[in-house]
Protein backbone atom coordinates (compact mmCIF):
# COMPACT_ATOMS: atom_id res chain seq x y z
CA MET A 1 -50.64 109.66 355.05
CA ALA A 2 -47.63 111.93 354.53
CA VAL A 3 -47.76 111.45 350.76
CA THR A 4 -51.51 112.18 350.77
CA LEU A 5 -50.93 115.43 352.64
CA LEU A 6 -48.18 116.36 350.19
CA GLY A 7 -50.57 115.75 347.30
CA GLN A 8 -53.01 118.13 348.98
CA GLY A 9 -50.33 120.80 349.21
CA ASP A 10 -49.80 120.44 352.97
CA ARG A 11 -46.01 120.09 353.01
CA GLU A 12 -45.59 120.97 356.67
CA GLY A 13 -48.23 118.44 357.65
CA ALA A 14 -46.52 115.76 355.57
CA LEU A 15 -43.16 116.40 357.21
CA GLY A 16 -44.84 116.32 360.61
CA ILE A 17 -46.25 112.86 359.91
CA PHE A 18 -42.74 111.63 359.13
CA ASP A 19 -41.46 113.07 362.41
CA LEU A 20 -44.15 111.20 364.35
CA ALA A 21 -43.40 107.98 362.49
CA PHE A 22 -39.86 107.88 363.88
CA HIS A 23 -41.30 107.10 367.32
CA ASP A 24 -43.20 104.06 366.07
CA CYS A 25 -40.75 102.34 363.74
CA GLU A 26 -38.14 99.67 364.39
CA PRO A 27 -34.47 100.73 364.49
CA ASN A 28 -33.78 98.97 361.18
CA ASP A 29 -36.51 101.02 359.50
CA ILE A 30 -35.18 104.41 360.58
CA ARG A 31 -32.73 104.66 357.66
CA LEU A 32 -35.43 104.22 355.03
CA LEU A 33 -37.86 106.46 356.89
CA LEU A 34 -35.26 109.24 357.10
CA LEU A 35 -34.48 108.83 353.42
CA LEU A 36 -38.17 109.07 352.54
CA LYS A 37 -38.44 112.25 354.57
CA LEU A 38 -35.46 113.79 352.76
CA ILE A 39 -36.96 112.87 349.40
CA LEU A 40 -40.12 114.64 350.54
CA VAL A 41 -37.98 117.67 351.45
CA PHE A 42 -36.49 117.53 347.95
CA GLU A 43 -39.91 117.27 346.30
CA SER A 44 -41.15 120.14 348.46
CA GLY A 45 -38.65 122.52 346.90
CA ASN A 46 -35.59 122.39 349.16
CA GLN A 47 -33.48 120.43 346.70
CA GLU A 48 -30.05 121.58 347.85
CA GLY A 49 -30.88 120.98 351.52
CA ALA A 50 -32.05 117.43 350.84
CA ILE A 51 -29.02 116.61 348.69
CA LYS A 52 -26.55 117.91 351.27
CA ARG A 53 -28.14 115.89 354.06
CA ILE A 54 -28.16 112.67 352.01
CA GLU A 55 -24.53 113.30 351.02
CA LEU A 56 -23.66 113.41 354.73
CA LEU A 57 -25.46 110.11 355.28
CA ALA A 58 -23.67 108.61 352.26
CA ALA A 59 -20.28 109.73 353.57
CA ARG A 60 -20.96 108.10 356.94
CA ALA A 61 -22.15 104.88 355.28
CA ASN A 62 -18.98 104.83 353.18
CA ASP A 63 -16.80 105.34 356.27
CA ASP A 64 -18.63 102.47 357.98
CA ASN A 65 -18.21 100.23 354.90
CA ASP A 66 -21.98 99.85 354.79
CA ASN A 67 -22.29 98.87 351.13
CA ASP A 68 -26.08 98.54 351.12
CA ALA A 69 -26.56 102.06 352.47
CA THR A 70 -23.87 103.49 350.18
CA TYR A 71 -25.60 101.99 347.14
CA LEU A 72 -29.04 103.16 348.26
CA TYR A 73 -27.96 106.75 348.91
CA ALA A 74 -26.03 106.91 345.63
CA GLN A 75 -29.06 105.78 343.61
CA VAL A 76 -31.31 108.36 345.28
CA LEU A 77 -28.74 111.13 344.85
CA ALA A 78 -28.31 110.19 341.19
CA VAL A 79 -32.03 110.63 340.54
CA MET A 80 -32.01 113.93 342.42
CA HIS A 81 -29.16 115.22 340.28
CA MET A 82 -30.98 114.00 337.16
CA LYS A 83 -34.05 115.98 338.19
CA LYS A 84 -31.84 119.05 338.62
CA GLY A 85 -30.27 118.52 335.21
CA ASP A 86 -26.78 117.71 336.55
CA TYR A 87 -26.31 114.58 334.45
CA GLY A 88 -22.53 114.46 334.82
CA ARG A 89 -22.81 114.23 338.60
CA ALA A 90 -25.49 111.56 338.32
CA ILE A 91 -23.34 109.43 336.00
CA SER A 92 -20.36 109.74 338.35
CA LEU A 93 -22.41 108.50 341.32
CA ILE A 94 -23.85 105.55 339.41
CA GLU A 95 -20.49 104.48 338.01
CA ARG A 96 -18.90 104.67 341.46
CA VAL A 97 -21.29 102.15 343.06
CA LYS A 98 -22.01 99.79 340.16
CA ASN A 99 -20.08 97.01 341.87
CA LEU A 100 -22.33 97.34 344.93
CA ALA A 101 -25.58 96.69 343.04
CA PRO A 102 -27.57 93.82 344.57
CA LYS A 103 -28.12 90.69 342.49
CA ASN A 104 -31.86 91.08 343.03
CA LYS A 105 -32.83 93.89 340.66
CA GLN A 106 -36.07 94.38 342.61
CA TYR A 107 -34.22 96.09 345.46
CA PRO A 108 -36.95 96.62 348.15
CA PRO A 109 -35.94 100.12 349.37
CA LEU A 110 -35.83 101.48 345.82
CA MET A 111 -39.13 99.78 345.03
CA THR A 112 -40.69 101.48 348.06
CA ILE A 113 -39.43 104.88 346.91
CA SER A 114 -40.71 104.22 343.40
CA LEU A 115 -44.16 103.30 344.68
CA ILE A 116 -44.44 106.35 346.94
CA PHE A 117 -42.87 109.06 344.79
CA GLY A 118 -43.07 107.60 341.29
CA TRP A 119 -39.30 107.74 340.82
CA SER A 120 -37.72 105.32 338.35
CA PHE A 121 -34.49 103.50 339.16
CA ASP A 122 -34.55 101.29 336.05
CA GLN A 123 -31.05 101.65 334.65
CA PRO A 124 -30.77 105.36 335.48
CA ASP A 125 -27.21 105.41 334.14
CA ILE A 126 -28.54 104.78 330.63
CA ILE A 127 -31.27 107.39 331.05
CA VAL A 128 -28.72 109.94 332.25
CA LYS A 129 -26.36 109.22 329.37
CA ARG A 130 -29.20 109.55 326.87
CA ARG A 131 -30.12 112.93 328.28
CA GLN A 132 -26.49 114.00 328.21
CA CYS A 133 -26.28 112.94 324.57
CA GLU A 134 -29.37 114.96 323.73
CA THR A 135 -28.08 118.01 325.61
CA LEU A 136 -24.71 117.93 323.84
CA TYR A 137 -26.45 117.43 320.50
CA HIS A 138 -28.68 120.46 321.00
CA GLU A 139 -25.60 122.49 321.96
CA GLY A 140 -24.01 121.52 318.63
CA ARG A 141 -21.36 119.33 320.29
CA THR A 142 -22.09 116.34 318.06
CA ALA A 143 -18.68 114.68 318.37
CA GLU A 144 -18.93 114.57 322.18
CA ALA A 145 -22.48 113.26 321.96
CA THR A 146 -21.30 110.49 319.64
CA GLU A 147 -18.60 109.43 322.11
CA ILE A 148 -21.18 109.03 324.86
CA LEU A 149 -23.44 107.16 322.47
CA ARG A 150 -20.65 104.72 321.68
CA ASN A 151 -20.09 104.25 325.42
CA ILE A 152 -23.78 103.39 325.88
CA MET A 153 -23.57 100.80 323.13
CA THR A 154 -20.36 99.15 324.34
CA THR A 155 -20.89 99.10 328.10
CA SER A 156 -24.63 98.34 328.43
CA ASP A 157 -25.69 94.92 329.70
CA GLU A 158 -27.56 92.46 327.48
CA ASP A 159 -30.99 93.45 328.80
CA THR A 160 -30.38 97.10 327.98
CA GLN A 161 -28.92 96.37 324.57
CA GLY A 162 -31.89 94.18 323.71
CA SER A 163 -34.45 96.71 324.91
CA ARG A 164 -36.68 97.90 322.07
CA THR A 165 -36.80 101.35 323.64
CA ASN A 166 -33.02 101.55 323.79
CA VAL A 167 -32.53 100.25 320.25
CA ASP A 168 -35.09 102.72 318.88
CA TRP A 169 -33.53 105.62 320.77
CA ILE A 170 -30.05 104.75 319.48
CA ALA A 171 -31.27 104.50 315.88
CA ASP A 172 -33.09 107.83 316.15
CA PHE A 173 -30.11 109.58 317.72
CA ILE A 174 -27.69 108.25 315.13
CA GLN A 175 -29.99 109.55 312.40
CA LYS A 176 -29.90 113.00 314.00
CA CYS A 177 -26.11 112.91 314.13
CA VAL A 178 -25.86 111.77 310.51
CA MET A 179 -28.12 114.60 309.41
CA THR A 180 -26.02 117.09 311.38
CA ARG A 181 -22.86 115.76 309.76
CA GLU A 182 -24.37 116.12 306.31
CA HIS A 183 -25.35 119.72 307.00
CA THR A 184 -22.10 120.79 308.67
CA GLY A 185 -19.59 118.64 306.76
CA ASP A 186 -17.69 116.97 309.57
CA GLY A 187 -14.12 115.90 308.93
CA ALA A 188 -12.94 112.39 308.11
CA SER A 189 -12.29 111.49 311.74
CA GLY A 190 -15.78 112.46 312.85
CA SER A 191 -17.27 110.68 309.85
CA SER A 192 -15.41 107.50 310.71
CA LYS A 193 -16.79 107.51 314.24
CA HIS A 194 -20.33 108.02 312.95
CA ASP A 195 -19.94 105.10 310.53
CA GLU A 196 -18.57 102.82 313.26
CA THR A 197 -21.42 103.72 315.60
CA ALA A 198 -24.00 103.16 312.90
CA THR A 199 -22.57 99.71 312.20
CA GLN A 200 -22.83 98.82 315.90
CA SER A 201 -26.42 100.05 315.92
CA ASN A 202 -27.33 97.80 312.98
CA ALA A 203 -25.86 94.86 314.89
CA LEU A 204 -28.09 95.63 317.88
CA SER A 205 -31.17 95.77 315.70
């Protein structure tokens, strides 16, 4: 109901529905319900307010050694920072909690958020790094972009490396970097890194 009201432009009504829902849910469901409400706050335009409140929840979860909650909050915060364009912060969050990731990739709370808000949590670290590569490339910082690209290729899991989408993106990005090198005349060191990366890309293909 809350999401329907949001789609109709009734943000206050949507938030009100969430407030009422707290009285009807089980104690174990309060965490997810509160998180959904804060995501709604974020989507309604108060991005900084939502982020600050989830950061407080994440800090408490960390103090309580609640690994499930810490992982959940970090994933949501990472997507929020991605949506704001702060890719460095998103990467930092994801890297920090990688060891807390559940073995079941279909993590129910994240699936619920995806279904309601359309957010994607499929390997967001790779998505963030791709965007960071593209941003650095467009700023003319090709060498830095290449370093991140090499990191993607050497640290990704087998599923990511074998993904057609990932392989195609890597090949396309390397081509852009090669063309930039040809036009700007990078030095020997930069050229060597490009050649090494291209070789790794051919191996993935």
